[in-house]
Amino acid sequence: MSPEEIARRHEEMSGYELVDFAEIGLPLWQMSVDCISVAHRRLPPIQEFVLAAVDAGLSREELPGFLGLAKSVVEATLAQLLADRLIVRHPGFGDGAEAVEISDDGRTVLREECQHVPIEEQLPLFFDGLLRQPTAIPPEQIAYPRDTESGALVEINGFPPTRPVVSDLAVVDIQKQAKARSRHGEMDRDVVRIRRISRYRRLFRRGIGLVFRGIKDSKDLRVRFIVGGVRAEELEQRFAAGGGLARPTFVKSFADNQLRANLRRHLGPEITAEI
């Protein structure tokens, strides 16, 4: 649907008249966030069988015969279970083939049928510069600084216009984005701490902006943002609350955008860029 068709669909506002519209770029940041998470993964079958056998009271020497596994496989499995603190060496034995017993963590893993493992990971996400929170953005809505710099889109400023910091992020929002991005077959995980933001990239979200003027009061302005063909009321409210409509250059930028769009249609983008 063209900008003109979208403007016609959303041009009605009681007590106001539509005075201008333009394609806009809403503020967006692409980021990489370094987090500490707790992953929930199932034990490999051999580790689970060995752990269950230890919990049942079998001795280290009895395990290979009981499980039908080579001694070398059992010993390698026990070494991994020791490293993961799911079993412990039995007190009172020497440095030889000492006995082992299941730990409290090991019992928890058997009971819950999964292991909780702390991991460090880097999560990619988008951050809405107006709402100041992580968001999901379809690829077709992404625009780049060159699109606003060339005048193809009217740039909508965020409040504040600065890039986000760790204190702007909530663990619950990062967790929500991590789950939304997870692929089938990946282990479940819970984000427990945000360490830092390691990379930033400034982007924009495509939309259509409509400017309305009061019929009785020409200084009374309203704005509508249409994103993905749908009115984005929360973005409108945040923009108005931040004083975006009061900026003297806001309405002018819409008029300039329309002028440049007409020039591009008649003269071509190369000549227009030189004007």
C-alpha atoms as a PDB file:
ATOM      1  CA  MET A   1       0.000   0.000   0.000  1.00  0.00           C
ATOM      2  CA  SER A   2       1.385   3.414  -0.985  1.00  0.00           C
ATOM      3  CA  PRO A   3       1.839   6.312   1.482  1.00  0.00           C
ATOM      4  CA  GLU A   4      -1.004   8.135  -0.270  1.00  0.00           C
ATOM      5  CA  GLU A   5      -3.374   5.180   0.207  1.00  0.00           C
ATOM      6  CA  ILE A   6      -2.393   4.851   3.875  1.00  0.00           C
ATOM      7  CA  ALA A   7      -2.946   8.601   4.389  1.00  0.00           C
ATOM      8  CA  ARG A   8      -6.424   8.374   2.841  1.00  0.00           C
ATOM      9  CA  ARG A   9      -7.319   5.410   5.050  1.00  0.00           C
ATOM     10  CA  HIS A  10      -6.329   7.250   8.245  1.00  0.00           C
ATOM     11  CA  GLU A  11      -7.182  10.862   7.321  1.00  0.00           C
ATOM     12  CA  GLU A  12     -10.277  11.181   9.523  1.00  0.00           C
ATOM     13  CA  MET A  13      -9.827  12.786  12.959  1.00  0.00           C
ATOM     14  CA  SER A  14     -12.713  14.504  14.693  1.00  0.00           C
ATOM     15  CA  GLY A  15     -12.121  18.263  15.023  1.00  0.00           C
ATOM     16  CA  TYR A  16      -8.946  18.147  12.910  1.00  0.00           C
ATOM     17  CA  GLU A  17      -7.940  18.228   9.276  1.00  0.00           C
ATOM     18  CA  LEU A  18      -5.048  16.412   7.645  1.00  0.00           C
ATOM     19  CA  VAL A  19      -2.444  18.952   6.511  1.00  0.00           C
ATOM     20  CA  ASP A  20       0.518  16.744   5.578  1.00  0.00           C
ATOM     21  CA  PHE A  21       1.924  13.232   5.576  1.00  0.00           C
ATOM     22  CA  ALA A  22       5.259  11.621   4.833  1.00  0.00           C
ATOM     23  CA  GLU A  23       7.241   8.425   5.116  1.00  0.00           C
ATOM     24  CA  ILE A  24       9.055   8.494   8.430  1.00  0.00           C
ATOM     25  CA  GLY A  25      11.944   6.793  10.194  1.00  0.00           C
ATOM     26  CA  LEU A  26      11.232   6.059  13.859  1.00  0.00           C
ATOM     27  CA  PRO A  27      14.309   5.786  16.128  1.00  0.00           C
ATOM     28  CA  LEU A  28      15.700   2.282  16.543  1.00  0.00           C
ATOM     29  CA  TRP A  29      18.892   0.733  17.902  1.00  0.00           C
ATOM     30  CA  GLN A  30      20.293  -2.671  17.030  1.00  0.00           C
ATOM     31  CA  MET A  31      22.359  -4.004  19.930  1.00  0.00           C
ATOM     32  CA  SER A  32      24.289  -6.982  21.228  1.00  0.00           C
ATOM     33  CA  VAL A  33      23.719  -7.534  24.942  1.00  0.00           C
ATOM     34  CA  ASP A  34      26.112  -9.637  27.029  1.00  0.00           C
ATOM     35  CA  CYS A  35      24.136 -11.618  29.620  1.00  0.00           C
ATOM     36  CA  ILE A  36      24.486 -14.270  32.261  1.00  0.00           C
ATOM     37  CA  SER A  37      21.841 -16.944  31.776  1.00  0.00           C
ATOM     38  CA  VAL A  38      20.930 -20.248  33.365  1.00  0.00           C
ATOM     39  CA  ALA A  39      20.407 -22.925  30.730  1.00  0.00           C
ATOM     40  CA  HIS A  40      18.145 -25.899  31.372  1.00  0.00           C
ATOM     41  CA  ARG A  41      19.423 -28.964  29.568  1.00  0.00           C
ATOM     42  CA  ARG A  42      18.866 -32.678  29.842  1.00  0.00           C
ATOM     43  CA  LEU A  43      21.764 -34.868  30.833  1.00  0.00           C
ATOM     44  CA  PRO A  44      23.156 -37.078  28.071  1.00  0.00           C
ATOM     45  CA  PRO A  45      21.673 -40.591  28.517  1.00  0.00           C
ATOM     46  CA  ILE A  46      24.916 -42.227  29.689  1.00  0.00           C
ATOM     47  CA  GLN A  47      25.475 -39.526  32.335  1.00  0.00           C
ATOM     48  CA  GLU A  48      21.876 -39.891  33.482  1.00  0.00           C
ATOM     49  CA  PHE A  49      22.169 -43.706  33.776  1.00  0.00           C
ATOM     50  CA  VAL A  50      25.464 -43.515  35.688  1.00  0.00           C
ATOM     51  CA  LEU A  51      24.122 -40.824  38.014  1.00  0.00           C
ATOM     52  CA  ALA A  52      20.961 -42.826  38.710  1.00  0.00           C
ATOM     53  CA  ALA A  53      23.061 -45.930  39.419  1.00  0.00           C
ATOM     54  CA  VAL A  54      25.258 -44.003  41.865  1.00  0.00           C
ATOM     55  CA  ASP A  55      22.123 -42.666  43.537  1.00  0.00           C
ATOM     56  CA  ALA A  56      20.850 -46.250  43.849  1.00  0.00           C
ATOM     57  CA  GLY A  57      23.939 -47.125  45.870  1.00  0.00           C
ATOM     58  CA  LEU A  58      26.024 -49.040  43.331  1.00  0.00           C
ATOM     59  CA  SER A  59      29.761 -48.917  43.945  1.00  0.00           C
ATOM     60  CA  ARG A  60      32.229 -47.578  41.438  1.00  0.00           C
ATOM     61  CA  GLU A  61      33.430 -51.112  40.673  1.00  0.00           C
ATOM     62  CA  GLU A  62      29.884 -52.381  40.064  1.00  0.00           C
ATOM     63  CA  LEU A  63      28.897 -49.698  37.556  1.00  0.00           C
ATOM     64  CA  PRO A  64      30.473 -51.102  34.331  1.00  0.00           C
ATOM     65  CA  GLY A  65      28.944 -54.552  34.753  1.00  0.00           C
ATOM     66  CA  PHE A  66      25.544 -53.270  35.876  1.00  0.00           C
ATOM     67  CA  LEU A  67      25.256 -50.764  32.996  1.00  0.00           C
ATOM     68  CA  GLY A  68      26.919 -52.968  30.392  1.00  0.00           C
ATOM     69  CA  LEU A  69      29.479 -50.263  29.588  1.00  0.00           C
ATOM     70  CA  ALA A  70      33.245 -50.338  29.196  1.00  0.00           C
ATOM     71  CA  LYS A  71      35.107 -49.268  32.315  1.00  0.00           C
ATOM     72  CA  SER A  72      36.804 -46.460  30.382  1.00  0.00           C
ATOM     73  CA  VAL A  73      33.382 -45.042  29.406  1.00  0.00           C
ATOM     74  CA  VAL A  74      32.141 -45.204  32.988  1.00  0.00           C
ATOM     75  CA  GLU A  75      35.293 -43.554  34.348  1.00  0.00           C
ATOM     76  CA  ALA A  76      35.094 -40.730  31.765  1.00  0.00           C
ATOM     77  CA  THR A  77      31.429 -40.212  32.669  1.00  0.00           C
ATOM     78  CA  LEU A  78      32.208 -40.117  36.391  1.00  0.00           C
ATOM     79  CA  ALA A  79      34.941 -37.552  35.741  1.00  0.00           C
ATOM     80  CA  GLN A  80      32.419 -35.310  33.955  1.00  0.00           C
ATOM     81  CA  LEU A  81      29.855 -35.742  36.734  1.00  0.00           C
ATOM     82  CA  LEU A  82      32.515 -34.807  39.270  1.00  0.00           C
ATOM     83  CA  ALA A  83      33.439 -31.708  37.253  1.00  0.00           C
ATOM     84  CA  ASP A  84      29.765 -30.720  37.130  1.00  0.00           C
ATOM     85  CA  ARG A  85      29.478 -31.336  40.914  1.00  0.00           C
ATOM     86  CA  LEU A  86      26.687 -33.839  40.449  1.00  0.00           C
ATOM     87  CA  ILE A  87      28.654 -36.446  42.387  1.00  0.00           C
ATOM     88  CA  VAL A  88      31.342 -36.085  45.061  1.00  0.00           C
ATOM     89  CA  ARG A  89      34.179 -38.271  46.222  1.00  0.00           C
ATOM     90  CA  HIS A  90      33.184 -40.296  49.237  1.00  0.00           C
ATOM     91  CA  PRO A  91      35.044 -39.084  52.344  1.00  0.00           C
ATOM     92  CA  GLY A  92      37.545 -41.440  53.942  1.00  0.00           C
ATOM     93  CA  PHE A  93      38.975 -42.995  50.771  1.00  0.00           C
ATOM     94  CA  GLY A  94      42.410 -42.484  49.249  1.00  0.00           C
ATOM     95  CA  ASP A  95      43.569 -41.277  45.843  1.00  0.00           C
ATOM     96  CA  GLY A  96      42.983 -44.567  44.061  1.00  0.00           C
ATOM     97  CA  ALA A  97      39.645 -45.685  42.653  1.00  0.00           C
ATOM     98  CA  GLU A  98      37.850 -43.995  45.523  1.00  0.00           C
ATOM     99  CA  ALA A  99      34.118 -44.287  46.013  1.00  0.00           C
ATOM    100  CA  VAL A 100      31.699 -41.616  44.886  1.00  0.00           C
ATOM    101  CA  GLU A 101      28.237 -40.584  45.983  1.00  0.00           C
ATOM    102  CA  ILE A 102      25.573 -38.357  44.524  1.00  0.00           C
ATOM    103  CA  SER A 103      25.525 -34.696  45.575  1.00  0.00           C
ATOM    104  CA  ASP A 104      22.518 -32.543  46.425  1.00  0.00           C
ATOM    105  CA  ASP A 105      22.827 -30.951  42.975  1.00  0.00           C
ATOM    106  CA  GLY A 106      22.847 -34.399  41.420  1.00  0.00           C
ATOM    107  CA  ARG A 107      19.622 -35.369  43.197  1.00  0.00           C
ATOM    108  CA  THR A 108      18.017 -32.137  41.985  1.00  0.00           C
ATOM    109  CA  VAL A 109      19.042 -32.909  38.401  1.00  0.00           C
ATOM    110  CA  LEU A 110      17.580 -36.407  38.596  1.00  0.00           C
ATOM    111  CA  ARG A 111      14.361 -35.134  40.167  1.00  0.00           C
ATOM    112  CA  GLU A 112      13.839 -32.316  37.669  1.00  0.00           C
ATOM    113  CA  GLU A 113      15.199 -34.325  34.733  1.00  0.00           C
ATOM    114  CA  CYS A 114      17.403 -31.427  33.659  1.00  0.00           C
ATOM    115  CA  GLN A 115      20.602 -29.665  34.606  1.00  0.00           C
ATOM    116  CA  HIS A 116      20.839 -25.935  35.354  1.00  0.00           C
ATOM    117  CA  VAL A 117      24.037 -24.563  33.862  1.00  0.00           C
ATOM    118  CA  PRO A 118      25.183 -20.920  34.090  1.00  0.00           C
ATOM    119  CA  ILE A 119      26.350 -19.604  30.722  1.00  0.00           C
ATOM    120  CA  GLU A 120      27.587 -16.330  29.299  1.00  0.00           C
ATOM    121  CA  GLU A 121      25.920 -15.401  26.041  1.00  0.00           C
ATOM    122  CA  GLN A 122      25.487 -12.505  23.655  1.00  0.00           C
ATOM    123  CA  LEU A 123      21.905 -11.737  22.672  1.00  0.00           C
ATOM    124  CA  PRO A 124      21.043  -9.570  19.638  1.00  0.00           C
ATOM    125  CA  LEU A 125      17.990  -7.332  19.967  1.00  0.00           C
ATOM    126  CA  PHE A 126      16.310  -4.163  18.735  1.00  0.00           C
ATOM    127  CA  PHE A 127      15.587  -1.249  21.068  1.00  0.00           C
ATOM    128  CA  ASP A 128      12.783   1.223  20.357  1.00  0.00           C
ATOM    129  CA  GLY A 129      14.141   4.772  20.700  1.00  0.00           C
ATOM    130  CA  LEU A 130      10.731   6.260  21.536  1.00  0.00           C
ATOM    131  CA  LEU A 131       9.340   3.656  23.917  1.00  0.00           C
ATOM    132  CA  ARG A 132      12.824   3.002  25.378  1.00  0.00           C
ATOM    133  CA  GLN A 133      12.393  -0.754  25.497  1.00  0.00           C
ATOM    134  CA  PRO A 134      13.379  -3.865  23.492  1.00  0.00           C
ATOM    135  CA  THR A 135      11.086  -4.648  20.598  1.00  0.00           C
ATOM    136  CA  ALA A 136      10.627  -7.086  17.712  1.00  0.00           C
ATOM    137  CA  ILE A 137      11.014  -5.625  14.207  1.00  0.00           C
ATOM    138  CA  PRO A 138      10.257  -7.439  10.927  1.00  0.00           C
ATOM    139  CA  PRO A 139      13.051  -7.008   8.334  1.00  0.00           C
ATOM    140  CA  GLU A 140      10.879  -5.077   5.883  1.00  0.00           C
ATOM    141  CA  GLN A 141      10.399  -2.262   8.411  1.00  0.00           C
ATOM    142  CA  ILE A 142      14.111  -1.608   8.936  1.00  0.00           C
ATOM    143  CA  ALA A 143      15.614   1.551   7.429  1.00  0.00           C
ATOM    144  CA  TYR A 144      19.129   2.971   7.576  1.00  0.00           C
ATOM    145  CA  PRO A 145      20.644   6.382   8.354  1.00  0.00           C
ATOM    146  CA  ARG A 146      21.212   6.978   4.636  1.00  0.00           C
ATOM    147  CA  ASP A 147      17.427   6.921   4.148  1.00  0.00           C
ATOM    148  CA  THR A 148      16.903   9.865   6.518  1.00  0.00           C
ATOM    149  CA  GLU A 149      20.052  11.688   5.410  1.00  0.00           C
ATOM    150  CA  SER A 150      18.920  11.581   1.769  1.00  0.00           C
ATOM    151  CA  GLY A 151      15.477  12.911   2.682  1.00  0.00           C
ATOM    152  CA  ALA A 152      13.684   9.706   1.673  1.00  0.00           C
ATOM    153  CA  LEU A 153      12.324   9.477   5.240  1.00  0.00           C
ATOM    154  CA  VAL A 154      11.523  12.152   7.797  1.00  0.00           C
ATOM    155  CA  GLU A 155      13.589  11.396  10.890  1.00  0.00           C
ATOM    156  CA  ILE A 156      11.609  11.122  14.127  1.00  0.00           C
ATOM    157  CA  ASN A 157      13.771  11.826  17.162  1.00  0.00           C
ATOM    158  CA  GLY A 158      13.771   9.738  20.312  1.00  0.00           C
ATOM    159  CA  PHE A 159      13.509  11.130  23.843  1.00  0.00           C
ATOM    160  CA  PRO A 160      16.253  11.209  24.882  1.00  0.00           C
ATOM    161  CA  PRO A 161      18.028  10.872  21.519  1.00  0.00           C
ATOM    162  CA  THR A 162      20.996   9.073  23.109  1.00  0.00           C
ATOM    163  CA  ARG A 163      21.681   5.381  22.714  1.00  0.00           C
ATOM    164  CA  PRO A 164      20.432   3.084  25.499  1.00  0.00           C
ATOM    165  CA  VAL A 165      22.527   1.962  28.467  1.00  0.00           C
ATOM    166  CA  VAL A 166      22.250  -1.119  30.685  1.00  0.00           C
ATOM    167  CA  SER A 167      20.010   0.722  33.173  1.00  0.00           C
ATOM    168  CA  ASP A 168      17.437   1.161  30.361  1.00  0.00           C
ATOM    169  CA  LEU A 169      17.081  -2.617  30.071  1.00  0.00           C
ATOM    170  CA  ALA A 170      15.008  -4.921  32.258  1.00  0.00           C
ATOM    171  CA  VAL A 171      15.873  -8.595  32.609  1.00  0.00           C
ATOM    172  CA  VAL A 172      12.235  -9.575  32.002  1.00  0.00           C
ATOM    173  CA  ASP A 173      12.240  -7.745  28.629  1.00  0.00           C
ATOM    174  CA  ILE A 174      15.526  -9.344  27.576  1.00  0.00           C
ATOM    175  CA  GLN A 175      14.156 -12.763  28.581  1.00  0.00           C
ATOM    176  CA  LYS A 176      11.045 -12.167  26.470  1.00  0.00           C
ATOM    177  CA  GLN A 177      13.127 -11.281  23.413  1.00  0.00           C
ATOM    178  CA  ALA A 178      15.442 -14.260  23.963  1.00  0.00           C
ATOM    179  CA  LYS A 179      12.467 -16.646  24.019  1.00  0.00           C
ATOM    180  CA  ALA A 180      10.956 -15.031  20.926  1.00  0.00           C
ATOM    181  CA  ARG A 181      14.230 -15.489  19.031  1.00  0.00           C
ATOM    182  CA  SER A 182      14.929 -19.056  20.202  1.00  0.00           C
ATOM    183  CA  ARG A 183      14.738 -21.768  17.562  1.00  0.00           C
ATOM    184  CA  HIS A 184      13.109 -25.161  17.876  1.00  0.00           C
ATOM    185  CA  GLY A 185      15.395 -27.619  19.614  1.00  0.00           C
ATOM    186  CA  GLU A 186      17.403 -25.028  21.536  1.00  0.00           C
ATOM    187  CA  MET A 187      17.698 -25.539  25.277  1.00  0.00           C
ATOM    188  CA  ASP A 188      15.541 -23.365  27.504  1.00  0.00           C
ATOM    189  CA  ARG A 189      17.312 -20.647  29.443  1.00  0.00           C
ATOM    190  CA  ASP A 190      16.551 -17.846  31.860  1.00  0.00           C
ATOM    191  CA  VAL A 191      18.416 -14.539  31.691  1.00  0.00           C
ATOM    192  CA  VAL A 192      19.479 -13.635  35.230  1.00  0.00           C
ATOM    193  CA  ARG A 193      21.829 -10.670  34.739  1.00  0.00           C
ATOM    194  CA  ILE A 194      22.724  -8.099  32.078  1.00  0.00           C
ATOM    195  CA  ARG A 195      26.461  -7.445  32.017  1.00  0.00           C
ATOM    196  CA  ARG A 196      26.903  -4.847  29.286  1.00  0.00           C
ATOM    197  CA  ILE A 197      25.909  -3.696  25.819  1.00  0.00           C
ATOM    198  CA  SER A 198      28.822  -4.648  23.602  1.00  0.00           C
ATOM    199  CA  ARG A 199      27.696  -3.288  20.217  1.00  0.00           C
ATOM    200  CA  TYR A 200      25.372  -0.599  18.891  1.00  0.00           C
ATOM    201  CA  ARG A 201      24.016   0.209  15.468  1.00  0.00           C
ATOM    202  CA  ARG A 202      21.714   3.131  14.801  1.00  0.00           C
ATOM    203  CA  LEU A 203      18.752   2.261  12.591  1.00  0.00           C
ATOM    204  CA  PHE A 204      15.196   3.414  11.897  1.00  0.00           C
ATOM    205  CA  ARG A 205      11.775   1.798  11.691  1.00  0.00           C
ATOM    206  CA  ARG A 206       9.755   2.608   8.597  1.00  0.00           C
ATOM    207  CA  GLY A 207       6.305   4.098   8.933  1.00  0.00           C
ATOM    208  CA  ILE A 208       3.942   6.789   7.726  1.00  0.00           C
ATOM    209  CA  GLY A 209       3.421   9.989   9.698  1.00  0.00           C
ATOM    210  CA  LEU A 210       0.274  12.103   9.367  1.00  0.00           C
ATOM    211  CA  VAL A 211       0.071  15.663  10.707  1.00  0.00           C
ATOM    212  CA  PHE A 212      -3.316  17.123  11.661  1.00  0.00           C
ATOM    213  CA  ARG A 213      -4.269  20.713  12.515  1.00  0.00           C
ATOM    214  CA  GLY A 214      -7.190  21.793  14.682  1.00  0.00           C
ATOM    215  CA  ILE A 215     -10.106  23.197  12.709  1.00  0.00           C
ATOM    216  CA  LYS A 216     -10.846  25.820  15.395  1.00  0.00           C
ATOM    217  CA  ASP A 217      -7.243  26.318  16.542  1.00  0.00           C
ATOM    218  CA  SER A 218      -4.626  26.160  13.802  1.00  0.00           C
ATOM    219  CA  LYS A 219      -1.841  25.936  16.403  1.00  0.00           C
ATOM    220  CA  ASP A 220      -3.296  22.706  17.809  1.00  0.00           C
ATOM    221  CA  LEU A 221      -1.382  19.905  16.107  1.00  0.00           C
ATOM    222  CA  ARG A 222      -1.799  16.138  16.315  1.00  0.00           C
ATOM    223  CA  VAL A 223       0.186  13.313  14.769  1.00  0.00           C
ATOM    224  CA  ARG A 224      -0.541   9.755  13.761  1.00  0.00           C
ATOM    225  CA  PHE A 225       2.079   7.089  13.175  1.00  0.00           C
ATOM    226  CA  ILE A 226       1.165   4.137  10.964  1.00  0.00           C
ATOM    227  CA  VAL A 227       3.576   1.202  11.201  1.00  0.00           C
ATOM    228  CA  GLY A 228       3.046  -1.968   9.214  1.00  0.00           C
ATOM    229  CA  GLY A 229      -0.327  -0.621   8.108  1.00  0.00           C
ATOM    230  CA  VAL A 230      -1.516  -0.300  11.723  1.00  0.00           C
ATOM    231  CA  ARG A 231      -1.846   2.817  13.862  1.00  0.00           C
ATOM    232  CA  ALA A 232       0.856   2.906  16.565  1.00  0.00           C
ATOM    233  CA  GLU A 233      -0.919   4.870  19.313  1.00  0.00           C
ATOM    234  CA  GLU A 234       1.693   4.188  21.979  1.00  0.00           C
ATOM    235  CA  LEU A 235       4.406   5.681  19.761  1.00  0.00           C
ATOM    236  CA  GLU A 236       2.203   8.719  19.047  1.00  0.00           C
ATOM    237  CA  GLN A 237       1.641   9.332  22.747  1.00  0.00           C
ATOM    238  CA  ARG A 238       5.319   9.009  23.594  1.00  0.00           C
ATOM    239  CA  PHE A 239       6.283  11.387  20.791  1.00  0.00           C
ATOM    240  CA  ALA A 240       3.724  13.982  21.891  1.00  0.00           C
ATOM    241  CA  ALA A 241       4.679  13.621  25.568  1.00  0.00           C
ATOM    242  CA  GLY A 242       8.311  14.238  24.643  1.00  0.00           C
ATOM    243  CA  GLY A 243       7.451  17.544  22.979  1.00  0.00           C
ATOM    244  CA  GLY A 244       8.063  16.361  19.427  1.00  0.00           C
ATOM    245  CA  LEU A 245       5.124  18.289  17.996  1.00  0.00           C
ATOM    246  CA  ALA A 246       6.321  21.526  19.603  1.00  0.00           C
ATOM    247  CA  ARG A 247       9.576  21.516  17.651  1.00  0.00           C
ATOM    248  CA  PRO A 248       9.371  24.216  14.952  1.00  0.00           C
ATOM    249  CA  THR A 249      11.192  22.054  12.403  1.00  0.00           C
ATOM    250  CA  PHE A 250       8.831  19.089  12.713  1.00  0.00           C
ATOM    251  CA  VAL A 251       6.062  20.183  10.325  1.00  0.00           C
ATOM    252  CA  LYS A 252       8.584  21.837   7.987  1.00  0.00           C
ATOM    253  CA  SER A 253      10.430  18.547   7.622  1.00  0.00           C
ATOM    254  CA  PHE A 254       7.231  16.952   6.294  1.00  0.00           C
ATOM    255  CA  ALA A 255       6.818  19.690   3.686  1.00  0.00           C
ATOM    256  CA  ASP A 256      10.501  19.416   2.691  1.00  0.00           C
ATOM    257  CA  ASN A 257      10.128  15.657   2.343  1.00  0.00           C
ATOM    258  CA  GLN A 258       7.148  16.043   0.018  1.00  0.00           C
ATOM    259  CA  LEU A 259       9.061  18.559  -2.088  1.00  0.00           C
ATOM    260  CA  ARG A 260      12.080  16.265  -2.388  1.00  0.00           C
ATOM    261  CA  ALA A 261       9.811  13.314  -3.236  1.00  0.00           C
ATOM    262  CA  ASN A 262       8.287  15.292  -6.103  1.00  0.00           C
ATOM    263  CA  LEU A 263      11.731  16.291  -7.315  1.00  0.00           C
ATOM    264  CA  ARG A 264      12.893  12.677  -7.235  1.00  0.00           C
ATOM    265  CA  ARG A 265       9.915  11.656  -9.355  1.00  0.00           C
ATOM    266  CA  HIS A 266      10.541  14.359 -11.948  1.00  0.00           C
ATOM    267  CA  LEU A 267      14.332  14.780 -11.945  1.00  0.00           C
ATOM    268  CA  GLY A 268      15.599  11.442 -10.684  1.00  0.00           C
ATOM    269  CA  PRO A 269      17.472  10.602  -7.451  1.00  0.00           C
ATOM    270  CA  GLU A 270      20.944  11.496  -8.786  1.00  0.00           C
ATOM    271  CA  ILE A 271      20.069  15.089  -9.710  1.00  0.00           C
ATOM    272  CA  THR A 272      17.932  15.540  -6.613  1.00  0.00           C
ATOM    273  CA  ALA A 273      20.856  14.542  -4.361  1.00  0.00           C
ATOM    274  CA  GLU A 274      22.912  17.407  -5.804  1.00  0.00           C
ATOM    275  CA  ILE A 275      20.298  20.090  -5.107  1.00  0.00           C
END
